[in-house]
Amino acid sequence: MKKFKRIRKLKDYRIHREGTGILVTSFIIFALINAPLWYFLPDYIVLNSIVGAFSLVVYLLMVNFFRSPKRIFPGDVEDVVVAPADGKVVVIEKVFEPDHFKDERIQVSIFMSPMNVHANWYPVDGVITRVEHQKGKFHKAWLPKASTENERSLVVVKMEDGREILVRQIAGAMARRIVTYAAAGEECFIDQHMGFIKFGSRVDLYLPLDAEIKVTLNQKTVGNETVIANLK
């Protein structure tokens, strides 16, 4: 397998592309609600102010949700697994992975709250060997059964030395749409977006049993910055 070259020059998204249409539409709707109130009911200052303030708060929350900071992993990417998402580590355990490896792996799960950045990054450099979307339920994302029963997308990345890392994007009770940019046969790199999950959910990593885990339960992670594990 050829040597992978990292892509360092990235487009700086201030607002994630997944949010552009929603934010533009929402802005127009809020404008259509607020402008007539001030025009036709100028004396109802308290009412207009409450509606305006509510509209502004909701819109700013939406902008916050779709923010997409530019991040470049600062360290050496060889034999390193980097956090694919912002959030909190809710699972670190040895499990049987039934969909691809069909053997025991170390599962590390990161839960994303509605306040987290919801872009997902590739955790390793490599070639994408498998992408699969699986329909399912919408249990609360932090429950163990969410990994196997919820709506989810599976991405397998083969590293330069032949080892494979499985990443699973999982929908939750609120998150009803998973966006996955990965396509089988393409090269992928740390620093690149793998996808986006709307309105909170989680991302699972399945690592070799000899991986040296560098995070702890309830630790907060920063996507494309926090080191999840070192691979031997």
Protein backbone atom coordinates (compact mmCIF):
# COMPACT_ATOMS: atom_id res chain seq x y z
CA MET A 1 0.00 0.00 0.00
CA LYS A 2 1.37 3.39 -0.90
CA LYS A 3 2.49 5.96 1.62
CA PHE A 4 -0.30 8.36 2.52
CA LYS A 5 0.28 12.09 2.34
CA ARG A 6 -1.64 14.28 4.73
CA ILE A 7 -3.69 17.13 3.39
CA ARG A 8 -2.76 20.25 5.35
CA LYS A 9 -4.50 22.97 3.37
CA LEU A 10 -8.19 22.86 4.20
CA LYS A 11 -11.14 25.07 3.43
CA ASP A 12 -12.03 27.06 6.55
CA TYR A 13 -15.75 26.49 7.15
CA ARG A 14 -17.08 28.98 9.68
CA ILE A 15 -20.56 27.48 9.33
CA HIS A 16 -20.76 23.85 8.30
CA ARG A 17 -22.16 23.28 4.84
CA GLU A 18 -24.87 21.06 6.33
CA GLY A 19 -26.31 24.11 8.09
CA THR A 20 -26.21 26.70 5.32
CA GLY A 21 -29.65 25.97 3.86
CA ILE A 22 -31.30 25.58 7.26
CA LEU A 23 -29.85 28.86 8.55
CA VAL A 24 -30.85 30.83 5.46
CA THR A 25 -34.39 29.43 5.55
CA SER A 26 -34.70 30.06 9.29
CA PHE A 27 -33.48 33.65 8.91
CA ILE A 28 -36.15 34.33 6.27
CA ILE A 29 -38.88 32.77 8.45
CA PHE A 30 -37.89 34.79 11.53
CA ALA A 31 -37.74 37.96 9.42
CA LEU A 32 -41.23 37.29 8.04
CA ILE A 33 -42.52 36.84 11.59
CA ASN A 34 -40.85 39.84 13.19
CA ALA A 35 -41.01 42.48 10.45
CA PRO A 36 -44.84 42.56 10.18
CA LEU A 37 -45.17 42.80 13.97
CA TRP A 38 -43.02 45.92 14.15
CA TYR A 39 -44.63 47.39 11.02
CA PHE A 40 -48.31 46.77 11.79
CA LEU A 41 -48.17 46.74 15.61
CA PRO A 42 -45.55 49.34 16.51
CA ASP A 43 -47.24 50.16 19.84
CA TYR A 44 -46.92 46.58 21.14
CA ILE A 45 -43.31 47.07 22.12
CA VAL A 46 -43.23 44.43 24.86
CA LEU A 47 -44.79 41.73 22.66
CA ASN A 48 -42.57 42.57 19.71
CA SER A 49 -39.48 42.58 21.92
CA ILE A 50 -40.31 39.16 23.39
CA VAL A 51 -40.90 37.64 19.96
CA GLY A 52 -37.73 39.26 18.62
CA ALA A 53 -35.63 38.11 21.55
CA PHE A 54 -36.98 34.57 21.28
CA SER A 55 -36.25 34.49 17.55
CA LEU A 56 -32.72 35.77 18.10
CA VAL A 57 -31.93 33.21 20.83
CA VAL A 58 -33.24 30.30 18.74
CA TYR A 59 -31.31 31.46 15.70
CA LEU A 60 -28.06 31.89 17.64
CA LEU A 61 -28.48 28.37 19.06
CA MET A 62 -28.83 27.08 15.51
CA VAL A 63 -25.71 28.98 14.43
CA ASN A 64 -23.85 27.52 17.41
CA PHE A 65 -24.97 24.01 16.49
CA PHE A 66 -23.72 24.28 12.91
CA ARG A 67 -20.38 25.92 13.73
CA SER A 68 -17.41 24.21 12.14
CA PRO A 69 -14.01 25.24 13.47
CA LYS A 70 -10.94 24.59 11.35
CA ARG A 71 -8.65 22.14 13.13
CA ILE A 72 -5.30 20.62 12.19
CA PHE A 73 -4.03 17.75 14.32
CA PRO A 74 -0.71 19.00 15.72
CA GLY A 75 1.11 15.70 16.26
CA ASP A 76 2.45 12.71 14.34
CA VAL A 77 -0.44 10.67 12.89
CA GLU A 78 1.43 7.36 12.64
CA ASP A 79 -0.09 4.69 14.91
CA VAL A 80 -2.43 7.26 16.47
CA VAL A 81 -6.24 7.22 16.67
CA VAL A 82 -7.67 10.73 17.01
CA ALA A 83 -11.10 11.66 18.36
CA PRO A 84 -13.67 11.75 15.53
CA ALA A 85 -16.00 14.05 17.46
CA ASP A 86 -16.43 16.61 20.21
CA GLY A 87 -18.21 15.24 23.26
CA LYS A 88 -17.75 13.01 26.29
CA VAL A 89 -16.39 9.46 26.51
CA VAL A 90 -19.27 7.27 27.71
CA VAL A 91 -17.96 3.76 26.90
CA ILE A 92 -14.55 2.09 27.09
CA GLU A 93 -14.92 -1.68 27.06
CA LYS A 94 -14.08 -4.91 25.28
CA VAL A 95 -17.02 -6.03 23.14
CA PHE A 96 -17.87 -8.43 20.33
CA GLU A 97 -18.21 -6.46 17.09
CA PRO A 98 -20.82 -8.30 14.97
CA ASP A 99 -21.02 -6.32 11.72
CA HIS A 100 -17.53 -6.36 10.26
CA PHE A 101 -14.75 -7.85 12.38
CA LYS A 102 -16.93 -10.50 14.02
CA ASP A 103 -14.50 -10.74 16.91
CA GLU A 104 -13.60 -8.87 20.09
CA ARG A 105 -12.51 -5.24 19.91
CA ILE A 106 -12.12 -2.32 22.27
CA GLN A 107 -15.09 0.00 21.89
CA VAL A 108 -14.67 3.70 22.69
CA SER A 109 -17.86 5.76 22.41
CA ILE A 110 -18.17 9.55 22.38
CA PHE A 111 -21.54 11.15 23.15
CA MET A 112 -22.30 14.51 21.56
CA SER A 113 -24.73 16.86 23.29
CA PRO A 114 -26.71 19.45 21.30
CA MET A 115 -24.12 22.06 22.37
CA ASN A 116 -21.14 20.22 20.85
CA VAL A 117 -19.68 20.70 17.38
CA HIS A 118 -21.41 18.03 15.29
CA ALA A 119 -18.93 17.60 12.47
CA ASN A 120 -17.18 14.21 12.50
CA TRP A 121 -13.54 13.66 11.49
CA TYR A 122 -11.67 10.59 10.27
CA PRO A 123 -9.75 9.09 13.21
CA VAL A 124 -6.87 7.70 11.11
CA ASP A 125 -5.28 8.01 7.67
CA GLY A 126 -6.04 5.22 5.24
CA VAL A 127 -8.31 3.86 2.52
CA ILE A 128 -12.04 3.47 3.06
CA THR A 129 -12.92 -0.18 2.48
CA ARG A 130 -16.55 -0.26 3.53
CA VAL A 131 -19.42 2.19 4.01
CA GLU A 132 -22.86 1.01 5.04
CA HIS A 133 -25.99 2.72 6.36
CA GLN A 134 -28.15 0.61 8.64
CA LYS A 135 -31.72 1.53 9.53
CA GLY A 136 -32.85 1.15 13.11
CA LYS A 137 -34.51 2.66 16.14
CA PHE A 138 -33.86 5.94 17.92
CA HIS A 139 -33.00 5.02 21.50
CA LYS A 140 -31.21 7.56 23.65
CA ALA A 141 -27.68 7.66 22.28
CA TRP A 142 -25.88 6.96 25.56
CA LEU A 143 -27.63 3.60 26.08
CA PRO A 144 -25.51 0.50 25.26
CA LYS A 145 -28.14 -0.91 22.90
CA ALA A 146 -27.88 2.21 20.73
CA SER A 147 -24.72 0.77 19.13
CA THR A 148 -26.56 -2.20 17.66
CA GLU A 149 -30.22 -1.14 17.45
CA ASN A 150 -30.21 2.54 16.44
CA GLU A 151 -30.06 4.09 12.98
CA ARG A 152 -26.33 4.14 12.15
CA SER A 153 -23.64 4.42 9.52
CA LEU A 154 -20.59 2.18 9.46
CA VAL A 155 -17.24 3.26 8.00
CA VAL A 156 -14.18 0.99 7.88
CA VAL A 157 -10.74 2.51 7.24
CA LYS A 158 -7.72 0.37 6.34
CA MET A 159 -4.46 1.92 7.49
CA GLU A 160 -1.18 1.78 5.60
CA ASP A 161 -0.02 -1.33 7.50
CA GLY A 162 -3.27 -3.18 6.77
CA ARG A 163 -4.97 -2.73 10.13
CA GLU A 164 -8.61 -1.67 10.04
CA ILE A 165 -10.45 0.80 12.27
CA LEU A 166 -14.24 0.82 12.35
CA VAL A 167 -16.15 4.05 12.99
CA ARG A 168 -19.89 4.03 13.59
CA GLN A 169 -22.06 7.17 13.52
CA ILE A 170 -25.17 6.59 15.63
CA ALA A 171 -28.45 8.48 15.66
CA GLY A 172 -30.19 9.19 18.96
CA ALA A 173 -33.58 10.17 20.30
CA MET A 174 -33.23 13.67 18.81
CA ALA A 175 -30.76 13.01 15.99
CA ARG A 176 -32.73 11.77 13.00
CA ARG A 177 -30.26 12.40 10.22
CA ILE A 178 -26.74 11.06 9.76
CA VAL A 179 -24.64 12.47 6.93
CA THR A 180 -21.64 10.39 5.81
CA TYR A 181 -19.20 11.70 3.19
CA ALA A 182 -17.09 8.53 3.10
CA ALA A 183 -17.12 6.39 -0.06
CA ALA A 184 -15.54 2.96 -0.44
CA GLY A 185 -12.23 3.04 -2.31
CA GLU A 186 -11.36 6.63 -1.43
CA GLU A 187 -8.35 7.72 0.58
CA CYS A 188 -9.11 9.53 3.82
CA PHE A 189 -7.00 11.56 6.20
CA ILE A 190 -7.03 12.91 9.72
CA ASP A 191 -8.09 16.60 9.47
CA GLN A 192 -10.85 15.74 6.95
CA HIS A 193 -14.55 15.67 7.77
CA MET A 194 -16.07 12.18 7.66
CA GLY A 195 -19.64 13.39 8.11
CA PHE A 196 -22.14 15.21 10.29
CA ILE A 197 -24.85 14.13 12.74
CA LYS A 198 -27.72 16.54 13.29
CA PHE A 199 -28.99 17.38 16.77
CA GLY A 200 -26.86 15.26 19.07
CA SER A 201 -25.85 11.61 19.06
CA ARG A 202 -22.66 9.55 19.37
CA VAL A 203 -19.72 8.04 17.51
CA ASP A 204 -18.26 4.60 18.28
CA LEU A 205 -14.71 3.46 17.55
CA TYR A 206 -13.70 -0.20 17.39
CA LEU A 207 -9.98 -0.67 18.00
CA PRO A 208 -7.56 -3.64 18.22
CA LEU A 209 -7.37 -5.30 21.63
CA ASP A 210 -3.74 -4.26 22.07
CA ALA A 211 -4.50 -0.57 21.52
CA GLU A 212 -3.22 1.68 24.30
CA ILE A 213 -6.26 3.73 25.31
CA LYS A 214 -5.34 7.32 26.21
CA VAL A 215 -8.75 8.59 27.40
CA THR A 216 -10.88 7.83 30.45
CA LEU A 217 -14.61 7.56 31.08
CA ASN A 218 -16.42 10.92 31.21
CA GLN A 219 -13.41 12.69 29.70
CA LYS A 220 -14.29 15.45 27.27
CA THR A 221 -12.91 15.09 23.77
CA VAL A 222 -12.15 17.60 21.04
CA GLY A 223 -12.61 16.30 17.51
CA ASN A 224 -9.38 16.04 15.52
CA GLU A 225 -7.35 17.02 18.61
CA THR A 226 -7.78 14.52 21.46
CA VAL A 227 -5.73 11.32 21.10
CA ILE A 228 -8.01 8.34 21.75
CA ALA A 229 -5.42 5.57 21.49
CA ASN A 230 -1.92 4.60 20.39
CA LEU A 231 -1.69 1.51 18.20
CA LYS A 232 1.13 -0.97 18.72
